[in-house]
Each structure stands twice: as C-alpha cells, then as structure tokens.
Amino acid sequence: MAIKVKIFDEEHEKDLEESLNGFLEKIDEKDLIDIKFQISNFYDNREQIYCYAAMVIYRDKKKEDDK
C-alpha cells in the first residue's frame, strides 16, 4: 500500500469543493490521511484573481508494479 497525493487547483471555491468531493467518494474513508488547503490571490489589470488549491494525502490500495 503506497501513500500518494492528489492535487486540485480551481479558480472558484465551489469547483474545488466539487472536485474534492468527487475524488473522496472514490477512496475509502480509512485511507484518507489529510487534506491541505490554500487560497492565493493576485491583481491583474484591476481584477482580483483567486486560486483555490487542495492536496489530498491518502493510502492507495492498488498494488504497485514490481520494478
């Protein structure tokens, strides 16, 4: 069982919420380790732009390929 991360990056918080919920439905609750969340913003031509990001840390039950 490997520990993996999945990164999400959206321009709108509702889009991030939908992306995260869609991914979380696919993994077992016991495999979720942590979720890190960050908002950043900047101004571009008098417009404020937001970036909503999250990183999900989870256990992947898929068998790893032998190398």
PDB file of N, CA and C in Angstrom:
ATOM      1  N   MET A   1       0.847  -1.173   0.000  1.00  0.00           N
ATOM      2  CA  MET A   1       0.000   0.000   0.000  1.00  0.00           C
ATOM      3  C   MET A   1       0.896   1.241   0.000  1.00  0.00           C
ATOM      4  N   ALA A   2       0.717   2.094  -0.971  1.00  0.00           N
ATOM      5  CA  ALA A   2       1.551   3.293  -1.117  1.00  0.00           C
ATOM      6  C   ALA A   2       0.805   4.528  -0.626  1.00  0.00           C
ATOM      7  N   ILE A   3       1.557   5.473  -0.098  1.00  0.00           N
ATOM      8  CA  ILE A   3       0.985   6.767   0.263  1.00  0.00           C
ATOM      9  C   ILE A   3       1.156   7.681  -0.941  1.00  0.00           C
ATOM     10  N   LYS A   4       0.062   8.322  -1.343  1.00  0.00           N
ATOM     11  CA  LYS A   4       0.079   9.181  -2.520  1.00  0.00           C
ATOM     12  C   LYS A   4      -0.573  10.516  -2.207  1.00  0.00           C
ATOM     13  N   VAL A   5      -0.402  11.463  -3.135  1.00  0.00           N
ATOM     14  CA  VAL A   5      -1.069  12.762  -3.027  1.00  0.00           C
ATOM     15  C   VAL A   5      -1.840  13.020  -4.320  1.00  0.00           C
ATOM     16  N   LYS A   6      -2.898  13.781  -4.194  1.00  0.00           N
ATOM     17  CA  LYS A   6      -3.680  14.238  -5.345  1.00  0.00           C
ATOM     18  C   LYS A   6      -3.847  15.742  -5.174  1.00  0.00           C
ATOM     19  N   ILE A   7      -3.466  16.506  -6.200  1.00  0.00           N
ATOM     20  CA  ILE A   7      -3.506  17.967  -6.153  1.00  0.00           C
ATOM     21  C   ILE A   7      -4.717  18.467  -6.944  1.00  0.00           C
ATOM     22  N   PHE A   8      -5.427  19.408  -6.364  1.00  0.00           N
ATOM     23  CA  PHE A   8      -6.566  20.052  -7.012  1.00  0.00           C
ATOM     24  C   PHE A   8      -6.304  21.548  -7.050  1.00  0.00           C
ATOM     25  N   ASP A   9      -6.645  22.186  -8.177  1.00  0.00           N
ATOM     26  CA  ASP A   9      -6.424  23.625  -8.350  1.00  0.00           C
ATOM     27  C   ASP A   9      -7.581  24.179  -9.172  1.00  0.00           C
ATOM     28  N   GLU A  10      -8.359  25.069  -8.577  1.00  0.00           N
ATOM     29  CA  GLU A  10      -9.535  25.617  -9.256  1.00  0.00           C
ATOM     30  C   GLU A  10      -9.598  27.127  -9.072  1.00  0.00           C
ATOM     31  N   GLU A  11     -10.296  27.794  -9.974  1.00  0.00           N
ATOM     32  CA  GLU A  11     -10.457  29.244  -9.886  1.00  0.00           C
ATOM     33  C   GLU A  11     -11.621  29.649  -8.979  1.00  0.00           C
ATOM     34  N   HIS A  12     -12.534  28.719  -8.723  1.00  0.00           N
ATOM     35  CA  HIS A  12     -13.699  29.012  -7.886  1.00  0.00           C
ATOM     36  C   HIS A  12     -13.789  27.983  -6.769  1.00  0.00           C
ATOM     37  N   GLU A  13     -14.148  28.441  -5.574  1.00  0.00           N
ATOM     38  CA  GLU A  13     -14.182  27.536  -4.430  1.00  0.00           C
ATOM     39  C   GLU A  13     -15.218  26.428  -4.604  1.00  0.00           C
ATOM     40  N   LYS A  14     -16.322  26.707  -5.249  1.00  0.00           N
ATOM     41  CA  LYS A  14     -17.347  25.682  -5.475  1.00  0.00           C
ATOM     42  C   LYS A  14     -16.813  24.580  -6.396  1.00  0.00           C
ATOM     43  N   ASP A  15     -16.014  24.959  -7.398  1.00  0.00           N
ATOM     44  CA  ASP A  15     -15.401  23.964  -8.288  1.00  0.00           C
ATOM     45  C   ASP A  15     -14.437  23.070  -7.517  1.00  0.00           C
ATOM     46  N   LEU A  16     -13.674  23.666  -6.607  1.00  0.00           N
ATOM     47  CA  LEU A  16     -12.746  22.878  -5.791  1.00  0.00           C
ATOM     48  C   LEU A  16     -13.524  21.909  -4.909  1.00  0.00           C
ATOM     49  N   GLU A  17     -14.584  22.394  -4.312  1.00  0.00           N
ATOM     50  CA  GLU A  17     -15.418  21.546  -3.462  1.00  0.00           C
ATOM     51  C   GLU A  17     -15.957  20.346  -4.246  1.00  0.00           C
ATOM     52  N   GLU A  18     -16.456  20.590  -5.443  1.00  0.00           N
ATOM     53  CA  GLU A  18     -16.990  19.505  -6.269  1.00  0.00           C
ATOM     54  C   GLU A  18     -15.900  18.514  -6.673  1.00  0.00           C
ATOM     55  N   SER A  19     -14.726  19.017  -7.037  1.00  0.00           N
ATOM     56  CA  SER A  19     -13.613  18.136  -7.413  1.00  0.00           C
ATOM     57  C   SER A  19     -13.171  17.273  -6.241  1.00  0.00           C
ATOM     58  N   LEU A  20     -13.035  17.896  -5.081  1.00  0.00           N
ATOM     59  CA  LEU A  20     -12.621  17.153  -3.889  1.00  0.00           C
ATOM     60  C   LEU A  20     -13.655  16.100  -3.511  1.00  0.00           C
ATOM     61  N   ASN A  21     -14.920  16.485  -3.479  1.00  0.00           N
ATOM     62  CA  ASN A  21     -15.963  15.532  -3.107  1.00  0.00           C
ATOM     63  C   ASN A  21     -16.023  14.365  -4.082  1.00  0.00           C
ATOM     64  N   GLY A  22     -15.835  14.637  -5.372  1.00  0.00           N
ATOM     65  CA  GLY A  22     -15.819  13.567  -6.361  1.00  0.00           C
ATOM     66  C   GLY A  22     -14.687  12.581  -6.124  1.00  0.00           C
ATOM     67  N   PHE A  23     -13.508  13.098  -5.793  1.00  0.00           N
ATOM     68  CA  PHE A  23     -12.363  12.222  -5.521  1.00  0.00           C
ATOM     69  C   PHE A  23     -12.567  11.446  -4.219  1.00  0.00           C
ATOM     70  N   LEU A  24     -13.049  12.136  -3.180  1.00  0.00           N
ATOM     71  CA  LEU A  24     -13.224  11.488  -1.880  1.00  0.00           C
ATOM     72  C   LEU A  24     -14.259  10.364  -1.928  1.00  0.00           C
ATOM     73  N   GLU A  25     -15.220  10.460  -2.832  1.00  0.00           N
ATOM     74  CA  GLU A  25     -16.202   9.384  -2.990  1.00  0.00           C
ATOM     75  C   GLU A  25     -15.555   8.109  -3.514  1.00  0.00           C
ATOM     76  N   LYS A  26     -14.408   8.232  -4.170  1.00  0.00           N
ATOM     77  CA  LYS A  26     -13.748   7.085  -4.798  1.00  0.00           C
ATOM     78  C   LYS A  26     -12.784   6.351  -3.869  1.00  0.00           C
ATOM     79  N   ILE A  27     -12.427   6.968  -2.749  1.00  0.00           N
ATOM     80  CA  ILE A  27     -11.489   6.304  -1.838  1.00  0.00           C
ATOM     81  C   ILE A  27     -12.201   5.956  -0.537  1.00  0.00           C
ATOM     82  N   ASP A  28     -11.678   4.952   0.137  1.00  0.00           N
ATOM     83  CA  ASP A  28     -12.219   4.543   1.428  1.00  0.00           C
ATOM     84  C   ASP A  28     -11.861   5.595   2.475  1.00  0.00           C
ATOM     85  N   GLU A  29     -12.810   5.905   3.320  1.00  0.00           N
ATOM     86  CA  GLU A  29     -12.591   6.915   4.365  1.00  0.00           C
ATOM     87  C   GLU A  29     -11.376   6.577   5.230  1.00  0.00           C
ATOM     88  N   LYS A  30     -11.125   5.297   5.448  1.00  0.00           N
ATOM     89  CA  LYS A  30      -9.985   4.867   6.266  1.00  0.00           C
ATOM     90  C   LYS A  30      -8.645   5.158   5.593  1.00  0.00           C
ATOM     91  N   ASP A  31      -8.662   5.338   4.272  1.00  0.00           N
ATOM     92  CA  ASP A  31      -7.424   5.589   3.533  1.00  0.00           C
ATOM     93  C   ASP A  31      -7.058   7.068   3.466  1.00  0.00           C
ATOM     94  N   LEU A  32      -7.960   7.937   3.876  1.00  0.00           N
ATOM     95  CA  LEU A  32      -7.684   9.373   3.890  1.00  0.00           C
ATOM     96  C   LEU A  32      -6.759   9.702   5.056  1.00  0.00           C
ATOM     97  N   ILE A  33      -5.643  10.362   4.762  1.00  0.00           N
ATOM     98  CA  ILE A  33      -4.690  10.748   5.803  1.00  0.00           C
ATOM     99  C   ILE A  33      -4.880  12.206   6.184  1.00  0.00           C
ATOM    100  N   ASP A  34      -4.905  13.099   5.182  1.00  0.00           N
ATOM    101  CA  ASP A  34      -5.015  14.530   5.479  1.00  0.00           C
ATOM    102  C   ASP A  34      -5.413  15.290   4.219  1.00  0.00           C
ATOM    103  N   ILE A  35      -5.936  16.496   4.420  1.00  0.00           N
ATOM    104  CA  ILE A  35      -6.223  17.417   3.321  1.00  0.00           C
ATOM    105  C   ILE A  35      -5.618  18.764   3.688  1.00  0.00           C
ATOM    106  N   LYS A  36      -4.784  19.291   2.803  1.00  0.00           N
ATOM    107  CA  LYS A  36      -4.188  20.625   2.977  1.00  0.00           C
ATOM    108  C   LYS A  36      -4.892  21.568   2.011  1.00  0.00           C
ATOM    109  N   PHE A  37      -5.169  22.780   2.471  1.00  0.00           N
ATOM    110  CA  PHE A  37      -5.946  23.739   1.689  1.00  0.00           C
ATOM    111  C   PHE A  37      -5.219  25.070   1.642  1.00  0.00           C
ATOM    112  N   GLN A  38      -5.283  25.736   0.487  1.00  0.00           N
ATOM    113  CA  GLN A  38      -4.617  27.035   0.352  1.00  0.00           C
ATOM    114  C   GLN A  38      -5.395  27.916  -0.617  1.00  0.00           C
ATOM    115  N   ILE A  39      -5.457  29.197  -0.283  1.00  0.00           N
ATOM    116  CA  ILE A  39      -6.037  30.196  -1.180  1.00  0.00           C
ATOM    117  C   ILE A  39      -4.956  31.217  -1.482  1.00  0.00           C
ATOM    118  N   SER A  40      -4.820  31.564  -2.751  1.00  0.00           N
ATOM    119  CA  SER A  40      -3.915  32.654  -3.113  1.00  0.00           C
ATOM    120  C   SER A  40      -4.677  33.583  -4.048  1.00  0.00           C
ATOM    121  N   ASN A  41      -4.281  34.837  -4.031  1.00  0.00           N
ATOM    122  CA  ASN A  41      -4.931  35.795  -4.918  1.00  0.00           C
ATOM    123  C   ASN A  41      -3.924  36.827  -5.387  1.00  0.00           C
ATOM    124  N   PHE A  42      -4.235  37.428  -6.518  1.00  0.00           N
ATOM    125  CA  PHE A  42      -3.388  38.487  -7.061  1.00  0.00           C
ATOM    126  C   PHE A  42      -4.251  39.395  -7.927  1.00  0.00           C
ATOM    127  N   TYR A  43      -3.712  40.537  -8.238  1.00  0.00           N
ATOM    128  CA  TYR A  43      -4.414  41.509  -9.071  1.00  0.00           C
ATOM    129  C   TYR A  43      -3.820  41.500 -10.475  1.00  0.00           C
ATOM    130  N   ASP A  44      -4.688  41.534 -11.461  1.00  0.00           N
ATOM    131  CA  ASP A  44      -4.266  41.568 -12.854  1.00  0.00           C
ATOM    132  C   ASP A  44      -5.191  42.531 -13.596  1.00  0.00           C
ATOM    133  N   ASN A  45      -4.636  43.649 -14.030  1.00  0.00           N
ATOM    134  CA  ASN A  45      -5.435  44.654 -14.741  1.00  0.00           C
ATOM    135  C   ASN A  45      -6.692  45.061 -13.961  1.00  0.00           C
ATOM    136  N   ARG A  46      -6.481  45.359 -12.704  1.00  0.00           N
ATOM    137  CA  ARG A  46      -7.551  45.824 -11.809  1.00  0.00           C
ATOM    138  C   ARG A  46      -8.592  44.754 -11.489  1.00  0.00           C
ATOM    139  N   GLU A  47      -8.269  43.524 -11.747  1.00  0.00           N
ATOM    140  CA  GLU A  47      -9.162  42.419 -11.427  1.00  0.00           C
ATOM    141  C   GLU A  47      -8.478  41.530 -10.398  1.00  0.00           C
ATOM    142  N   GLN A  48      -9.212  41.147  -9.377  1.00  0.00           N
ATOM    143  CA  GLN A  48      -8.652  40.268  -8.366  1.00  0.00           C
ATOM    144  C   GLN A  48      -8.924  38.819  -8.779  1.00  0.00           C
ATOM    145  N   ILE A  49      -7.864  38.019  -8.812  1.00  0.00           N
ATOM    146  CA  ILE A  49      -7.963  36.629  -9.239  1.00  0.00           C
ATOM    147  C   ILE A  49      -7.624  35.727  -8.057  1.00  0.00           C
ATOM    148  N   TYR A  50      -8.467  34.728  -7.842  1.00  0.00           N
ATOM    149  CA  TYR A  50      -8.264  33.787  -6.747  1.00  0.00           C
ATOM    150  C   TYR A  50      -7.866  32.420  -7.291  1.00  0.00           C
ATOM    151  N   CYS A  51      -7.090  31.711  -6.505  1.00  0.00           N
ATOM    152  CA  CYS A  51      -6.718  30.336  -6.811  1.00  0.00           C
ATOM    153  C   CYS A  51      -6.982  29.511  -5.553  1.00  0.00           C
ATOM    154  N   TYR A  52      -7.859  28.538  -5.674  1.00  0.00           N
ATOM    155  CA  TYR A  52      -8.194  27.654  -4.561  1.00  0.00           C
ATOM    156  C   TYR A  52      -7.528  26.314  -4.827  1.00  0.00           C
ATOM    157  N   ALA A  53      -6.719  25.855  -3.895  1.00  0.00           N
ATOM    158  CA  ALA A  53      -5.976  24.615  -4.099  1.00  0.00           C
ATOM    159  C   ALA A  53      -6.086  23.718  -2.872  1.00  0.00           C
ATOM    160  N   ALA A  54      -6.021  22.428  -3.125  1.00  0.00           N
ATOM    161  CA  ALA A  54      -6.040  21.449  -2.044  1.00  0.00           C
ATOM    162  C   ALA A  54      -5.163  20.267  -2.438  1.00  0.00           C
ATOM    163  N   MET A  55      -4.567  19.663  -1.425  1.00  0.00           N
ATOM    164  CA  MET A  55      -3.776  18.457  -1.614  1.00  0.00           C
ATOM    165  C   MET A  55      -4.348  17.387  -0.693  1.00  0.00           C
ATOM    166  N   VAL A  56      -4.732  16.271  -1.279  1.00  0.00           N
ATOM    167  CA  VAL A  56      -5.252  15.145  -0.508  1.00  0.00           C
ATOM    168  C   VAL A  56      -4.127  14.130  -0.361  1.00  0.00           C
ATOM    169  N   ILE A  57      -3.844  13.749   0.862  1.00  0.00           N
ATOM    170  CA  ILE A  57      -2.845  12.717   1.153  1.00  0.00           C
ATOM    171  C   ILE A  57      -3.628  11.460   1.539  1.00  0.00           C
ATOM    172  N   TYR A  58      -3.348  10.353   0.839  1.00  0.00           N
ATOM    173  CA  TYR A  58      -4.147   9.152   1.054  1.00  0.00           C
ATOM    174  C   TYR A  58      -3.322   7.893   0.816  1.00  0.00           C
ATOM    175  N   ARG A  59      -3.851   6.774   1.284  1.00  0.00           N
ATOM    176  CA  ARG A  59      -3.236   5.471   1.036  1.00  0.00           C
ATOM    177  C   ARG A  59      -3.877   4.882  -0.215  1.00  0.00           C
ATOM    178  N   ASP A  60      -3.040   4.448  -1.143  1.00  0.00           N
ATOM    179  CA  ASP A  60      -3.520   3.843  -2.382  1.00  0.00           C
ATOM    180  C   ASP A  60      -3.418   2.333  -2.233  1.00  0.00           C
ATOM    181  N   LYS A  61      -4.542   1.654  -2.288  1.00  0.00           N
ATOM    182  CA  LYS A  61      -4.560   0.204  -2.094  1.00  0.00           C
ATOM    183  C   LYS A  61      -4.172  -0.571  -3.344  1.00  0.00           C
ATOM    184  N   LYS A  62      -4.040   0.121  -4.477  1.00  0.00           N
ATOM    185  CA  LYS A  62      -3.658  -0.568  -5.707  1.00  0.00           C
ATOM    186  C   LYS A  62      -2.256  -1.137  -5.565  1.00  0.00           C
ATOM    187  N   LYS A  63      -2.068  -2.340  -6.055  1.00  0.00           N
ATOM    188  CA  LYS A  63      -0.767  -2.997  -5.965  1.00  0.00           C
ATOM    189  C   LYS A  63       0.234  -2.286  -6.867  1.00  0.00           C
ATOM    190  N   GLU A  64       1.398  -1.969  -6.313  1.00  0.00           N
ATOM    191  CA  GLU A  64       2.441  -1.298  -7.087  1.00  0.00           C
ATOM    192  C   GLU A  64       3.112  -2.290  -8.027  1.00  0.00           C
ATOM    193  N   ASP A  65       3.522  -1.810  -9.188  1.00  0.00           N
ATOM    194  CA  ASP A  65       4.246  -2.652 -10.142  1.00  0.00           C
ATOM    195  C   ASP A  65       5.628  -2.973  -9.601  1.00  0.00           C
ATOM    196  N   ASP A  66       6.050  -4.203  -9.777  1.00  0.00           N
ATOM    197  CA  ASP A  66       7.414  -4.572  -9.386  1.00  0.00           C
ATOM    198  C   ASP A  66       8.382  -3.982 -10.394  1.00  0.00           C
ATOM    199  N   LYS A  67       9.419  -3.361  -9.903  1.00  0.00           N
ATOM    200  CA  LYS A  67      10.399  -2.728 -10.799  1.00  0.00           C
ATOM    201  C   LYS A  67      11.711  -3.456 -10.737  1.00  0.00           C
TER     202      LYS A  67
END
